[in-house]
């Protein structure tokens, strides 16, 4: 009777892949009529989108998620502060 084959681990198939959730998966809050201040959820969506853009610009290579997020956060908050002071 033939023996069952044990699956061999292939190092190239064991790479961890991290995917960022789509911005549409974050619940959105409707803004009140004339409010120009973005809500925290709006800021998070913008940061998430920008972090993903940075990830794509790097060629979608994993390992810099925190740096991408922090850079995106700085850029989005700076842009938001400029818009509020204008």
PDB file of N, CA and C in Angstrom:
ATOM      1  N   UNK A   1       0.850  -1.168   0.000  1.00  0.00           N
ATOM      2  CA  UNK A   1       0.000   0.000   0.000  1.00  0.00           C
ATOM      3  C   UNK A   1       0.902   1.240   0.000  1.00  0.00           C
ATOM      4  N   UNK A   2       0.628   2.224  -0.882  1.00  0.00           N
ATOM      5  CA  UNK A   2       1.479   3.420  -0.935  1.00  0.00           C
ATOM      6  C   UNK A   2       1.288   4.296   0.293  1.00  0.00           C
ATOM      7  N   UNK A   3       2.369   4.935   0.691  1.00  0.00           N
ATOM      8  CA  UNK A   3       2.318   5.825   1.838  1.00  0.00           C
ATOM      9  C   UNK A   3       1.824   7.206   1.408  1.00  0.00           C
ATOM     10  N   UNK A   4       1.154   7.875   2.326  1.00  0.00           N
ATOM     11  CA  UNK A   4       0.678   9.233   2.054  1.00  0.00           C
ATOM     12  C   UNK A   4       1.878  10.176   2.022  1.00  0.00           C
ATOM     13  N   UNK A   5       1.850  11.083   1.088  1.00  0.00           N
ATOM     14  CA  UNK A   5       2.939  12.043   0.969  1.00  0.00           C
ATOM     15  C   UNK A   5       2.760  13.160   1.983  1.00  0.00           C
ATOM     16  N   UNK A   6       3.842  13.531   2.616  1.00  0.00           N
ATOM     17  CA  UNK A   6       3.830  14.668   3.519  1.00  0.00           C
ATOM     18  C   UNK A   6       4.051  15.936   2.706  1.00  0.00           C
ATOM     19  N   UNK A   7       3.226  16.951   2.942  1.00  0.00           N
ATOM     20  CA  UNK A   7       3.457  18.198   2.210  1.00  0.00           C
ATOM     21  C   UNK A   7       4.761  18.835   2.657  1.00  0.00           C
ATOM     22  N   UNK A   8       5.532  19.261   1.705  1.00  0.00           N
ATOM     23  CA  UNK A   8       6.798  19.922   2.021  1.00  0.00           C
ATOM     24  C   UNK A   8       6.568  21.420   2.037  1.00  0.00           C
ATOM     25  N   UNK A   9       7.247  22.039   2.947  1.00  0.00           N
ATOM     26  CA  UNK A   9       7.110  23.493   3.010  1.00  0.00           C
ATOM     27  C   UNK A   9       8.094  24.114   2.036  1.00  0.00           C
ATOM     28  N   UNK A  10       7.570  24.975   1.215  1.00  0.00           N
ATOM     29  CA  UNK A  10       8.387  25.677   0.251  1.00  0.00           C
ATOM     30  C   UNK A  10       8.605  27.086   0.783  1.00  0.00           C
ATOM     31  N   UNK A  11       9.849  27.474   1.050  1.00  0.00           N
ATOM     32  CA  UNK A  11      10.092  28.794   1.641  1.00  0.00           C
ATOM     33  C   UNK A  11       9.502  29.944   0.826  1.00  0.00           C
ATOM     34  N   UNK A  12       9.439  29.797  -0.479  1.00  0.00           N
ATOM     35  CA  UNK A  12       8.925  30.896  -1.296  1.00  0.00           C
ATOM     36  C   UNK A  12       7.411  31.039  -1.175  1.00  0.00           C
ATOM     37  N   UNK A  13       6.705  29.994  -0.731  1.00  0.00           N
ATOM     38  CA  UNK A  13       5.259  30.110  -0.592  1.00  0.00           C
ATOM     39  C   UNK A  13       4.830  30.471   0.812  1.00  0.00           C
ATOM     40  N   UNK A  14       5.786  30.571   1.743  1.00  0.00           N
ATOM     41  CA  UNK A  14       5.447  30.891   3.117  1.00  0.00           C
ATOM     42  C   UNK A  14       5.627  32.370   3.440  1.00  0.00           C
ATOM     43  N   UNK A  15       5.732  33.211   2.421  1.00  0.00           N
ATOM     44  CA  UNK A  15       5.898  34.639   2.664  1.00  0.00           C
ATOM     45  C   UNK A  15       4.598  35.232   3.163  1.00  0.00           C
ATOM     46  N   UNK A  16       4.728  36.092   4.149  1.00  0.00           N
ATOM     47  CA  UNK A  16       3.549  36.741   4.704  1.00  0.00           C
ATOM     48  C   UNK A  16       3.205  37.936   3.824  1.00  0.00           C
ATOM     49  N   UNK A  17       1.953  37.999   3.417  1.00  0.00           N
ATOM     50  CA  UNK A  17       1.487  39.108   2.599  1.00  0.00           C
ATOM     51  C   UNK A  17       0.464  39.887   3.399  1.00  0.00           C
ATOM     52  N   UNK A  18       0.706  41.170   3.521  1.00  0.00           N
ATOM     53  CA  UNK A  18      -0.200  42.023   4.271  1.00  0.00           C
ATOM     54  C   UNK A  18      -0.970  42.875   3.284  1.00  0.00           C
ATOM     55  N   UNK A  19      -2.280  42.831   3.404  1.00  0.00           N
ATOM     56  CA  UNK A  19      -3.095  43.662   2.535  1.00  0.00           C
ATOM     57  C   UNK A  19      -3.794  44.713   3.376  1.00  0.00           C
ATOM     58  N   UNK A  20      -3.921  45.882   2.804  1.00  0.00           N
ATOM     59  CA  UNK A  20      -4.595  46.968   3.506  1.00  0.00           C
ATOM     60  C   UNK A  20      -6.073  46.927   3.148  1.00  0.00           C
ATOM     61  N   UNK A  21      -6.935  47.095   4.130  1.00  0.00           N
ATOM     62  CA  UNK A  21      -8.362  47.083   3.825  1.00  0.00           C
ATOM     63  C   UNK A  21      -8.735  48.266   2.954  1.00  0.00           C
ATOM     64  N   UNK A  22      -9.746  48.055   2.145  1.00  0.00           N
ATOM     65  CA  UNK A  22     -10.237  49.129   1.292  1.00  0.00           C
ATOM     66  C   UNK A  22     -10.848  50.219   2.158  1.00  0.00           C
ATOM     67  N   UNK A  23     -10.738  51.441   1.699  1.00  0.00           N
ATOM     68  CA  UNK A  23     -11.287  52.570   2.446  1.00  0.00           C
ATOM     69  C   UNK A  23     -12.800  52.465   2.562  1.00  0.00           C
ATOM     70  N   UNK A  24     -13.423  51.758   1.631  1.00  0.00           N
ATOM     71  CA  UNK A  24     -14.878  51.634   1.674  1.00  0.00           C
ATOM     72  C   UNK A  24     -15.342  50.726   2.801  1.00  0.00           C
ATOM     73  N   UNK A  25     -14.400  49.965   3.400  1.00  0.00           N
ATOM     74  CA  UNK A  25     -14.790  49.077   4.494  1.00  0.00           C
ATOM     75  C   UNK A  25     -14.923  49.838   5.813  1.00  0.00           C
ATOM     76  N   UNK A  26     -14.486  51.094   5.837  1.00  0.00           N
ATOM     77  CA  UNK A  26     -14.590  51.921   7.034  1.00  0.00           C
ATOM     78  C   UNK A  26     -15.922  52.653   6.992  1.00  0.00           C
ATOM     79  N   UNK A  27     -16.719  52.564   8.048  1.00  0.00           N
ATOM     80  CA  UNK A  27     -18.010  53.256   8.023  1.00  0.00           C
ATOM     81  C   UNK A  27     -17.808  54.761   7.890  1.00  0.00           C
ATOM     82  N   UNK A  28     -18.650  55.362   7.094  1.00  0.00           N
ATOM     83  CA  UNK A  28     -18.545  56.794   6.891  1.00  0.00           C
ATOM     84  C   UNK A  28     -19.655  57.503   7.650  1.00  0.00           C
ATOM     85  N   UNK A  29     -19.328  58.679   8.136  1.00  0.00           N
ATOM     86  CA  UNK A  29     -20.281  59.490   8.873  1.00  0.00           C
ATOM     87  C   UNK A  29     -20.657  60.670   7.992  1.00  0.00           C
ATOM     88  N   UNK A  30     -21.946  60.944   7.894  1.00  0.00           N
ATOM     89  CA  UNK A  30     -22.379  62.088   7.102  1.00  0.00           C
ATOM     90  C   UNK A  30     -22.057  63.363   7.845  1.00  0.00           C
ATOM     91  N   UNK A  31     -21.615  64.339   7.085  1.00  0.00           N
ATOM     92  CA  UNK A  31     -21.281  65.629   7.683  1.00  0.00           C
ATOM     93  C   UNK A  31     -22.529  66.475   7.800  1.00  0.00           C
ATOM     94  N   UNK A  32     -22.512  67.333   8.801  1.00  0.00           N
ATOM     95  CA  UNK A  32     -23.584  68.310   8.931  1.00  0.00           C
ATOM     96  C   UNK A  32     -23.356  69.406   7.903  1.00  0.00           C
ATOM     97  N   UNK A  33     -24.406  69.901   7.321  1.00  0.00           N
ATOM     98  CA  UNK A  33     -24.419  70.896   6.278  1.00  0.00           C
ATOM     99  C   UNK A  33     -23.168  71.712   6.063  1.00  0.00           C
ATOM    100  N   UNK A  34     -22.911  72.765   6.845  1.00  0.00           N
ATOM    101  CA  UNK A  34     -21.851  73.707   6.565  1.00  0.00           C
ATOM    102  C   UNK A  34     -20.545  73.439   7.281  1.00  0.00           C
ATOM    103  N   UNK A  35     -20.392  72.332   7.942  1.00  0.00           N
ATOM    104  CA  UNK A  35     -19.175  72.060   8.697  1.00  0.00           C
ATOM    105  C   UNK A  35     -18.009  71.792   7.749  1.00  0.00           C
ATOM    106  N   UNK A  36     -16.924  72.565   7.911  1.00  0.00           N
ATOM    107  CA  UNK A  36     -15.752  72.356   7.060  1.00  0.00           C
ATOM    108  C   UNK A  36     -14.704  71.499   7.761  1.00  0.00           C
ATOM    109  N   UNK A  37     -14.896  71.187   9.028  1.00  0.00           N
ATOM    110  CA  UNK A  37     -13.955  70.353   9.760  1.00  0.00           C
ATOM    111  C   UNK A  37     -14.233  68.885   9.464  1.00  0.00           C
ATOM    112  N   UNK A  38     -13.225  68.168   8.954  1.00  0.00           N
ATOM    113  CA  UNK A  38     -13.443  66.749   8.698  1.00  0.00           C
ATOM    114  C   UNK A  38     -13.554  65.980  10.009  1.00  0.00           C
ATOM    115  N   UNK A  39     -14.369  64.953   9.999  1.00  0.00           N
ATOM    116  CA  UNK A  39     -14.509  64.113  11.186  1.00  0.00           C
ATOM    117  C   UNK A  39     -13.298  63.195  11.288  1.00  0.00           C
ATOM    118  N   UNK A  40     -13.054  62.623  12.455  1.00  0.00           N
ATOM    119  CA  UNK A  40     -11.930  61.692  12.588  1.00  0.00           C
ATOM    120  C   UNK A  40     -12.012  60.535  11.594  1.00  0.00           C
ATOM    121  N   UNK A  41     -13.215  60.088  11.292  1.00  0.00           N
ATOM    122  CA  UNK A  41     -13.367  58.982  10.339  1.00  0.00           C
ATOM    123  C   UNK A  41     -12.948  59.429   8.946  1.00  0.00           C
ATOM    124  N   UNK A  42     -13.321  60.667   8.555  1.00  0.00           N
ATOM    125  CA  UNK A  42     -12.909  61.191   7.257  1.00  0.00           C
ATOM    126  C   UNK A  42     -11.387  61.271   7.171  1.00  0.00           C
ATOM    127  N   UNK A  43     -10.748  61.748   8.239  1.00  0.00           N
ATOM    128  CA  UNK A  43      -9.289  61.829   8.248  1.00  0.00           C
ATOM    129  C   UNK A  43      -8.662  60.445   8.136  1.00  0.00           C
ATOM    130  N   UNK A  44      -9.230  59.487   8.844  1.00  0.00           N
ATOM    131  CA  UNK A  44      -8.683  58.135   8.783  1.00  0.00           C
ATOM    132  C   UNK A  44      -8.793  57.551   7.380  1.00  0.00           C
ATOM    133  N   UNK A  45      -9.904  57.812   6.711  1.00  0.00           N
ATOM    134  CA  UNK A  45     -10.077  57.328   5.342  1.00  0.00           C
ATOM    135  C   UNK A  45      -9.035  57.954   4.428  1.00  0.00           C
ATOM    136  N   UNK A  46      -8.809  59.249   4.571  1.00  0.00           N
ATOM    137  CA  UNK A  46      -7.811  59.931   3.747  1.00  0.00           C
ATOM    138  C   UNK A  46      -6.410  59.392   4.034  1.00  0.00           C
ATOM    139  N   UNK A  47      -6.099  59.175   5.300  1.00  0.00           N
ATOM    140  CA  UNK A  47      -4.792  58.636   5.678  1.00  0.00           C
ATOM    141  C   UNK A  47      -4.617  57.233   5.121  1.00  0.00           C
ATOM    142  N   UNK A  48      -5.669  56.419   5.235  1.00  0.00           N
ATOM    143  CA  UNK A  48      -5.621  55.043   4.733  1.00  0.00           C
ATOM    144  C   UNK A  48      -5.357  55.035   3.225  1.00  0.00           C
ATOM    145  N   UNK A  49      -6.053  55.896   2.501  1.00  0.00           N
ATOM    146  CA  UNK A  49      -5.863  55.968   1.044  1.00  0.00           C
ATOM    147  C   UNK A  49      -4.445  56.401   0.701  1.00  0.00           C
ATOM    148  N   UNK A  50      -3.945  57.426   1.396  1.00  0.00           N
ATOM    149  CA  UNK A  50      -2.597  57.919   1.108  1.00  0.00           C
ATOM    150  C   UNK A  50      -1.543  56.881   1.473  1.00  0.00           C
ATOM    151  N   UNK A  51      -1.712  56.173   2.576  1.00  0.00           N
ATOM    152  CA  UNK A  51      -0.768  55.121   2.964  1.00  0.00           C
ATOM    153  C   UNK A  51      -0.730  54.024   1.906  1.00  0.00           C
ATOM    154  N   UNK A  52      -1.881  53.695   1.354  1.00  0.00           N
ATOM    155  CA  UNK A  52      -1.921  52.679   0.301  1.00  0.00           C
ATOM    156  C   UNK A  52      -1.237  53.195  -0.959  1.00  0.00           C
ATOM    157  N   UNK A  53      -1.407  54.470  -1.282  1.00  0.00           N
ATOM    158  CA  UNK A  53      -0.720  55.053  -2.434  1.00  0.00           C
ATOM    159  C   UNK A  53       0.796  54.961  -2.244  1.00  0.00           C
ATOM    160  N   UNK A  54       1.263  55.258  -1.042  1.00  0.00           N
ATOM    161  CA  UNK A  54       2.696  55.165  -0.753  1.00  0.00           C
ATOM    162  C   UNK A  54       3.188  53.726  -0.907  1.00  0.00           C
ATOM    163  N   UNK A  55       2.403  52.784  -0.445  1.00  0.00           N
ATOM    164  CA  UNK A  55       2.723  51.360  -0.580  1.00  0.00           C
ATOM    165  C   UNK A  55       2.849  50.983  -2.055  1.00  0.00           C
ATOM    166  N   UNK A  56       1.912  51.465  -2.871  1.00  0.00           N
ATOM    167  CA  UNK A  56       1.965  51.172  -4.302  1.00  0.00           C
ATOM    168  C   UNK A  56       3.172  51.837  -4.955  1.00  0.00           C
ATOM    169  N   UNK A  57       3.496  53.061  -4.535  1.00  0.00           N
ATOM    170  CA  UNK A  57       4.654  53.773  -5.090  1.00  0.00           C
ATOM    171  C   UNK A  57       5.953  53.027  -4.802  1.00  0.00           C
ATOM    172  N   UNK A  58       6.006  52.306  -3.692  1.00  0.00           N
ATOM    173  CA  UNK A  58       7.194  51.524  -3.329  1.00  0.00           C
ATOM    174  C   UNK A  58       7.225  50.181  -4.041  1.00  0.00           C
ATOM    175  N   UNK A  59       6.288  49.938  -4.942  1.00  0.00           N
ATOM    176  CA  UNK A  59       6.267  48.665  -5.654  1.00  0.00           C
ATOM    177  C   UNK A  59       5.576  47.559  -4.891  1.00  0.00           C
ATOM    178  N   UNK A  60       4.717  47.925  -3.955  1.00  0.00           N
ATOM    179  CA  UNK A  60       3.939  46.961  -3.164  1.00  0.00           C
ATOM    180  C   UNK A  60       4.811  45.979  -2.385  1.00  0.00           C
ATOM    181  N   UNK A  61       5.938  46.455  -1.916  1.00  0.00           N
ATOM    182  CA  UNK A  61       6.803  45.590  -1.119  1.00  0.00           C
ATOM    183  C   UNK A  61       6.432  45.739   0.352  1.00  0.00           C
ATOM    184  N   UNK A  62       6.218  44.624   1.041  1.00  0.00           N
ATOM    185  CA  UNK A  62       5.831  44.696   2.454  1.00  0.00           C
ATOM    186  C   UNK A  62       7.013  45.086   3.338  1.00  0.00           C
ATOM    187  N   UNK A  63       6.685  45.492   4.560  1.00  0.00           N
ATOM    188  CA  UNK A  63       7.713  45.763   5.544  1.00  0.00           C
ATOM    189  C   UNK A  63       7.810  47.213   5.977  1.00  0.00           C
ATOM    190  N   UNK A  64       7.092  48.114   5.327  1.00  0.00           N
ATOM    191  CA  UNK A  64       7.174  49.529   5.691  1.00  0.00           C
ATOM    192  C   UNK A  64       5.801  50.096   6.014  1.00  0.00           C
ATOM    193  N   UNK A  65       4.916  49.276   6.522  1.00  0.00           N
ATOM    194  CA  UNK A  65       3.538  49.706   6.764  1.00  0.00           C
ATOM    195  C   UNK A  65       3.467  50.862   7.753  1.00  0.00           C
ATOM    196  N   UNK A  66       4.229  50.762   8.838  1.00  0.00           N
ATOM    197  CA  UNK A  66       4.197  51.819   9.847  1.00  0.00           C
ATOM    198  C   UNK A  66       4.714  53.142   9.297  1.00  0.00           C
ATOM    199  N   UNK A  67       5.825  53.075   8.548  1.00  0.00           N
ATOM    200  CA  UNK A  67       6.380  54.291   7.963  1.00  0.00           C
ATOM    201  C   UNK A  67       5.403  54.909   6.972  1.00  0.00           C
ATOM    202  N   UNK A  68       4.756  54.075   6.148  1.00  0.00           N
ATOM    203  CA  UNK A  68       3.766  54.571   5.191  1.00  0.00           C
ATOM    204  C   UNK A  68       2.617  55.266   5.916  1.00  0.00           C
ATOM    205  N   UNK A  69       2.142  54.633   6.981  1.00  0.00           N
ATOM    206  CA  UNK A  69       1.006  55.197   7.721  1.00  0.00           C
ATOM    207  C   UNK A  69       1.391  56.540   8.358  1.00  0.00           C
ATOM    208  N   UNK A  70       2.560  56.589   8.993  1.00  0.00           N
ATOM    209  CA  UNK A  70       2.973  57.822   9.658  1.00  0.00           C
ATOM    210  C   UNK A  70       3.206  58.955   8.655  1.00  0.00           C
ATOM    211  N   UNK A  71       3.811  58.624   7.519  1.00  0.00           N
ATOM    212  CA  UNK A  71       4.019  59.652   6.490  1.00  0.00           C
ATOM    213  C   UNK A  71       2.678  60.145   5.945  1.00  0.00           C
ATOM    214  N   UNK A  72       1.778  59.211   5.680  1.00  0.00           N
ATOM    215  CA  UNK A  72       0.451  59.579   5.173  1.00  0.00           C
ATOM    216  C   UNK A  72      -0.275  60.450   6.192  1.00  0.00           C
ATOM    217  N   UNK A  73      -0.167  60.097   7.457  1.00  0.00           N
ATOM    218  CA  UNK A  73      -0.833  60.867   8.504  1.00  0.00           C
ATOM    219  C   UNK A  73      -0.290  62.295   8.553  1.00  0.00           C
ATOM    220  N   UNK A  74       1.041  62.434   8.470  1.00  0.00           N
ATOM    221  CA  UNK A  74       1.642  63.774   8.469  1.00  0.00           C
ATOM    222  C   UNK A  74       1.149  64.588   7.272  1.00  0.00           C
ATOM    223  N   UNK A  75       1.144  63.976   6.090  1.00  0.00           N
ATOM    224  CA  UNK A  75       0.738  64.686   4.881  1.00  0.00           C
ATOM    225  C   UNK A  75      -0.728  65.109   4.939  1.00  0.00           C
ATOM    226  N   UNK A  76      -1.599  64.197   5.356  1.00  0.00           N
ATOM    227  CA  UNK A  76      -3.032  64.496   5.390  1.00  0.00           C
ATOM    228  C   UNK A  76      -3.332  65.567   6.430  1.00  0.00           C
ATOM    229  N   UNK A  77      -2.712  65.462   7.599  1.00  0.00           N
ATOM    230  CA  UNK A  77      -2.962  66.465   8.644  1.00  0.00           C
ATOM    231  C   UNK A  77      -2.409  67.836   8.244  1.00  0.00           C
ATOM    232  N   UNK A  78      -1.261  67.868   7.581  1.00  0.00           N
ATOM    233  CA  UNK A  78      -0.702  69.143   7.119  1.00  0.00           C
ATOM    234  C   UNK A  78      -1.620  69.769   6.078  1.00  0.00           C
ATOM    235  N   UNK A  79      -2.120  68.961   5.149  1.00  0.00           N
ATOM    236  CA  UNK A  79      -3.047  69.453   4.133  1.00  0.00           C
ATOM    237  C   UNK A  79      -4.326  69.965   4.778  1.00  0.00           C
ATOM    238  N   UNK A  80      -4.823  69.249   5.766  1.00  0.00           N
ATOM    239  CA  UNK A  80      -6.044  69.654   6.467  1.00  0.00           C
ATOM    240  C   UNK A  80      -5.831  70.975   7.201  1.00  0.00           C
ATOM    241  N   UNK A  81      -4.667  71.122   7.855  1.00  0.00           N
ATOM    242  CA  UNK A  81      -4.372  72.375   8.573  1.00  0.00           C
ATOM    243  C   UNK A  81      -4.263  73.547   7.608  1.00  0.00           C
ATOM    244  N   UNK A  82      -3.683  73.313   6.431  1.00  0.00           N
ATOM    245  CA  UNK A  82      -3.594  74.378   5.423  1.00  0.00           C
ATOM    246  C   UNK A  82      -4.980  74.810   4.965  1.00  0.00           C
ATOM    247  N   UNK A  83      -5.851  73.846   4.736  1.00  0.00           N
ATOM    248  CA  UNK A  83      -7.197  74.156   4.264  1.00  0.00           C
ATOM    249  C   UNK A  83      -7.985  74.913   5.334  1.00  0.00           C
ATOM    250  N   UNK A  84      -7.791  74.582   6.590  1.00  0.00           N
ATOM    251  CA  UNK A  84      -8.524  75.249   7.655  1.00  0.00           C
ATOM    252  C   UNK A  84      -8.027  76.676   7.875  1.00  0.00           C
ATOM    253  N   UNK A  85      -6.731  76.909   7.641  1.00  0.00           N
ATOM    254  CA  UNK A  85      -6.208  78.258   7.854  1.00  0.00           C
ATOM    255  C   UNK A  85      -6.421  79.163   6.638  1.00  0.00           C
ATOM    256  N   UNK A  86      -6.791  78.589   5.521  1.00  0.00           N
ATOM    257  CA  UNK A  86      -6.997  79.392   4.297  1.00  0.00           C
ATOM    258  C   UNK A  86      -8.350  80.073   4.296  1.00  0.00           C
TER     259      UNK A  86
END
